[in-house]
């Protein structure tokens, strides 16, 4: 690999890391806002934050040739697999609970219900 090609690969990898910083800001905002929903949704956003931070470490810590850090990529991959399972559970719970009219799959609400007559 030529020096020019290696530098180009490193530049692209660094640019991807900078791009992920913007997404980390967005997902951190979503994580804070999700604290008013339920534990499963908060877990999903925390896993997404872990994934993005791991990707940031992988890409911003890339080698001079542009190769991302493989350990950080593996952590991001495992976090994403767990996130996919949590996301599937959220969809299952929302659909089943709404269809059946009762909580078959708990989402563990983080807010207390306020009685209708108390305002």
C-alpha atoms as a PDB file:
ATOM      1  CA  UNK A   1       0.000   0.000   0.000  1.00  0.00           C
ATOM      2  CA  UNK A   2       1.392   3.379  -0.925  1.00  0.00           C
ATOM      3  CA  UNK A   3       1.770   6.200   1.570  1.00  0.00           C
ATOM      4  CA  UNK A   4      -0.862   8.238  -0.274  1.00  0.00           C
ATOM      5  CA  UNK A   5      -3.400   5.400  -0.151  1.00  0.00           C
ATOM      6  CA  UNK A   6      -2.707   4.796   3.543  1.00  0.00           C
ATOM      7  CA  UNK A   7      -3.174   8.491   4.321  1.00  0.00           C
ATOM      8  CA  UNK A   8      -6.430   8.553   2.344  1.00  0.00           C
ATOM      9  CA  UNK A   9      -7.703   5.540   4.296  1.00  0.00           C
ATOM     10  CA  UNK A  10      -6.757   7.176   7.584  1.00  0.00           C
ATOM     11  CA  UNK A  11      -8.493  10.417   6.589  1.00  0.00           C
ATOM     12  CA  UNK A  12     -11.718   8.604   5.694  1.00  0.00           C
ATOM     13  CA  UNK A  13     -11.639   6.662   8.966  1.00  0.00           C
ATOM     14  CA  UNK A  14     -11.089   9.851  10.969  1.00  0.00           C
ATOM     15  CA  UNK A  15     -13.942  11.560   9.102  1.00  0.00           C
ATOM     16  CA  UNK A  16     -16.241   8.688  10.009  1.00  0.00           C
ATOM     17  CA  UNK A  17     -15.267   9.143  13.656  1.00  0.00           C
ATOM     18  CA  UNK A  18     -16.104  12.842  13.515  1.00  0.00           C
ATOM     19  CA  UNK A  19     -19.444  12.022  11.857  1.00  0.00           C
ATOM     20  CA  UNK A  20     -20.222   9.635  14.736  1.00  0.00           C
ATOM     21  CA  UNK A  21     -19.682  12.433  17.266  1.00  0.00           C
ATOM     22  CA  UNK A  22     -22.782  14.166  15.899  1.00  0.00           C
ATOM     23  CA  UNK A  23     -24.792  10.955  16.242  1.00  0.00           C
ATOM     24  CA  UNK A  24     -23.537  10.476  19.789  1.00  0.00           C
ATOM     25  CA  UNK A  25     -24.897  13.905  20.716  1.00  0.00           C
ATOM     26  CA  UNK A  26     -28.283  13.009  19.214  1.00  0.00           C
ATOM     27  CA  UNK A  27     -28.480   9.629  20.937  1.00  0.00           C
ATOM     28  CA  UNK A  28     -27.421  11.096  24.290  1.00  0.00           C
ATOM     29  CA  UNK A  29     -30.293  13.590  24.010  1.00  0.00           C
ATOM     30  CA  UNK A  30     -32.675  10.725  23.180  1.00  0.00           C
ATOM     31  CA  UNK A  31     -31.338   8.758  26.149  1.00  0.00           C
ATOM     32  CA  UNK A  32     -32.061  11.614  28.548  1.00  0.00           C
ATOM     33  CA  UNK A  33     -35.540  12.129  27.096  1.00  0.00           C
ATOM     34  CA  UNK A  34     -36.269   8.380  27.290  1.00  0.00           C
ATOM     35  CA  UNK A  35     -35.908   8.522  31.081  1.00  0.00           C
ATOM     36  CA  UNK A  36     -39.571   9.541  31.111  1.00  0.00           C
ATOM     37  CA  UNK A  37     -40.727   6.366  29.343  1.00  0.00           C
ATOM     38  CA  UNK A  38     -39.775   2.855  30.471  1.00  0.00           C
ATOM     39  CA  UNK A  39     -36.730   0.821  31.432  1.00  0.00           C
ATOM     40  CA  UNK A  40     -36.612  -1.197  28.205  1.00  0.00           C
ATOM     41  CA  UNK A  41     -36.497   1.927  26.029  1.00  0.00           C
ATOM     42  CA  UNK A  42     -33.807   3.471  28.232  1.00  0.00           C
ATOM     43  CA  UNK A  43     -31.813   0.226  27.924  1.00  0.00           C
ATOM     44  CA  UNK A  44     -32.069   0.403  24.138  1.00  0.00           C
ATOM     45  CA  UNK A  45     -30.722   3.955  24.043  1.00  0.00           C
ATOM     46  CA  UNK A  46     -27.913   3.169  26.499  1.00  0.00           C
ATOM     47  CA  UNK A  47     -26.884   0.240  24.298  1.00  0.00           C
ATOM     48  CA  UNK A  48     -26.960   2.540  21.270  1.00  0.00           C
ATOM     49  CA  UNK A  49     -24.752   5.018  23.153  1.00  0.00           C
ATOM     50  CA  UNK A  50     -22.299   2.217  24.008  1.00  0.00           C
ATOM     51  CA  UNK A  51     -22.253   1.145  20.377  1.00  0.00           C
ATOM     52  CA  UNK A  52     -21.507   4.641  19.097  1.00  0.00           C
ATOM     53  CA  UNK A  53     -18.835   5.304  21.735  1.00  0.00           C
ATOM     54  CA  UNK A  54     -17.157   1.992  20.834  1.00  0.00           C
ATOM     55  CA  UNK A  55     -17.245   2.920  17.152  1.00  0.00           C
ATOM     56  CA  UNK A  56     -15.779   6.329  17.981  1.00  0.00           C
ATOM     57  CA  UNK A  57     -12.904   4.662  19.825  1.00  0.00           C
ATOM     58  CA  UNK A  58     -12.392   2.281  16.912  1.00  0.00           C
ATOM     59  CA  UNK A  59     -12.370   4.923  14.187  1.00  0.00           C
ATOM     60  CA  UNK A  60     -10.686   7.838  15.944  1.00  0.00           C
ATOM     61  CA  UNK A  61      -8.006   5.465  17.226  1.00  0.00           C
ATOM     62  CA  UNK A  62      -7.348   3.986  13.796  1.00  0.00           C
ATOM     63  CA  UNK A  63      -3.872   3.073  12.636  1.00  0.00           C
ATOM     64  CA  UNK A  64      -1.903   5.250  10.245  1.00  0.00           C
ATOM     65  CA  UNK A  65      -3.163   3.041   7.416  1.00  0.00           C
ATOM     66  CA  UNK A  66      -6.778   3.677   8.409  1.00  0.00           C
ATOM     67  CA  UNK A  67      -7.500   0.324  10.042  1.00  0.00           C
ATOM     68  CA  UNK A  68      -9.929   0.752  12.957  1.00  0.00           C
ATOM     69  CA  UNK A  69      -9.175  -0.812  16.333  1.00  0.00           C
ATOM     70  CA  UNK A  70     -10.614  -4.309  16.130  1.00  0.00           C
ATOM     71  CA  UNK A  71     -11.325  -4.753  19.878  1.00  0.00           C
ATOM     72  CA  UNK A  72     -13.521  -1.649  19.913  1.00  0.00           C
ATOM     73  CA  UNK A  73     -15.291  -2.839  16.759  1.00  0.00           C
ATOM     74  CA  UNK A  74     -16.031  -6.173  18.454  1.00  0.00           C
ATOM     75  CA  UNK A  75     -17.496  -4.414  21.504  1.00  0.00           C
ATOM     76  CA  UNK A  76     -19.657  -2.284  19.208  1.00  0.00           C
ATOM     77  CA  UNK A  77     -20.824  -5.396  17.361  1.00  0.00           C
ATOM     78  CA  UNK A  78     -21.798  -7.249  20.537  1.00  0.00           C
ATOM     79  CA  UNK A  79     -23.604  -4.182  21.901  1.00  0.00           C
ATOM     80  CA  UNK A  80     -25.488  -3.875  18.604  1.00  0.00           C
ATOM     81  CA  UNK A  81     -26.549  -7.528  18.695  1.00  0.00           C
ATOM     82  CA  UNK A  82     -27.932  -7.083  22.210  1.00  0.00           C
ATOM     83  CA  UNK A  83     -29.573  -3.817  21.090  1.00  0.00           C
ATOM     84  CA  UNK A  84     -31.314  -5.662  18.252  1.00  0.00           C
ATOM     85  CA  UNK A  85     -32.775  -8.133  20.756  1.00  0.00           C
ATOM     86  CA  UNK A  86     -33.994  -5.308  22.991  1.00  0.00           C
ATOM     87  CA  UNK A  87     -35.520  -3.505  19.994  1.00  0.00           C
ATOM     88  CA  UNK A  88     -37.337  -6.675  18.919  1.00  0.00           C
ATOM     89  CA  UNK A  89     -38.655  -7.034  22.482  1.00  0.00           C
ATOM     90  CA  UNK A  90     -39.944  -3.441  22.457  1.00  0.00           C
ATOM     91  CA  UNK A  91     -41.825  -4.052  19.199  1.00  0.00           C
ATOM     92  CA  UNK A  92     -43.207  -7.367  20.485  1.00  0.00           C
ATOM     93  CA  UNK A  93     -44.301  -5.825  23.775  1.00  0.00           C
ATOM     94  CA  UNK A  94     -45.919  -2.767  22.195  1.00  0.00           C
ATOM     95  CA  UNK A  95     -47.831  -4.821  19.610  1.00  0.00           C
ATOM     96  CA  UNK A  96     -48.882  -7.658  21.921  1.00  0.00           C
ATOM     97  CA  UNK A  97     -49.827  -5.410  24.837  1.00  0.00           C
ATOM     98  CA  UNK A  98     -51.889  -3.124  22.611  1.00  0.00           C
ATOM     99  CA  UNK A  99     -53.553  -6.009  20.757  1.00  0.00           C
ATOM    100  CA  UNK A 100     -54.424  -7.951  23.902  1.00  0.00           C
ATOM    101  CA  UNK A 101     -55.371  -4.907  25.940  1.00  0.00           C
ATOM    102  CA  UNK A 102     -53.126  -5.914  28.857  1.00  0.00           C
ATOM    103  CA  UNK A 103     -49.441  -6.059  29.739  1.00  0.00           C
ATOM    104  CA  UNK A 104     -48.316  -9.472  28.489  1.00  0.00           C
ATOM    105  CA  UNK A 105     -44.724  -8.285  28.063  1.00  0.00           C
ATOM    106  CA  UNK A 106     -43.677  -5.756  30.697  1.00  0.00           C
ATOM    107  CA  UNK A 107     -41.800  -2.627  29.703  1.00  0.00           C
ATOM    108  CA  UNK A 108     -41.242  -1.476  33.308  1.00  0.00           C
ATOM    109  CA  UNK A 109     -42.557   2.111  33.271  1.00  0.00           C
ATOM    110  CA  UNK A 110     -40.333   4.708  34.929  1.00  0.00           C
ATOM    111  CA  UNK A 111     -43.091   7.237  35.564  1.00  0.00           C
ATOM    112  CA  UNK A 112     -45.945   6.880  37.951  1.00  0.00           C
ATOM    113  CA  UNK A 113     -49.475   7.195  36.669  1.00  0.00           C
ATOM    114  CA  UNK A 114     -51.279  10.241  37.937  1.00  0.00           C
ATOM    115  CA  UNK A 115     -54.951   9.575  38.726  1.00  0.00           C
ATOM    116  CA  UNK A 116     -57.320  11.368  36.339  1.00  0.00           C
ATOM    117  CA  UNK A 117     -58.994  13.373  39.144  1.00  0.00           C
ATOM    118  CA  UNK A 118     -55.688  14.764  40.470  1.00  0.00           C
ATOM    119  CA  UNK A 119     -54.351  17.700  38.442  1.00  0.00           C
END
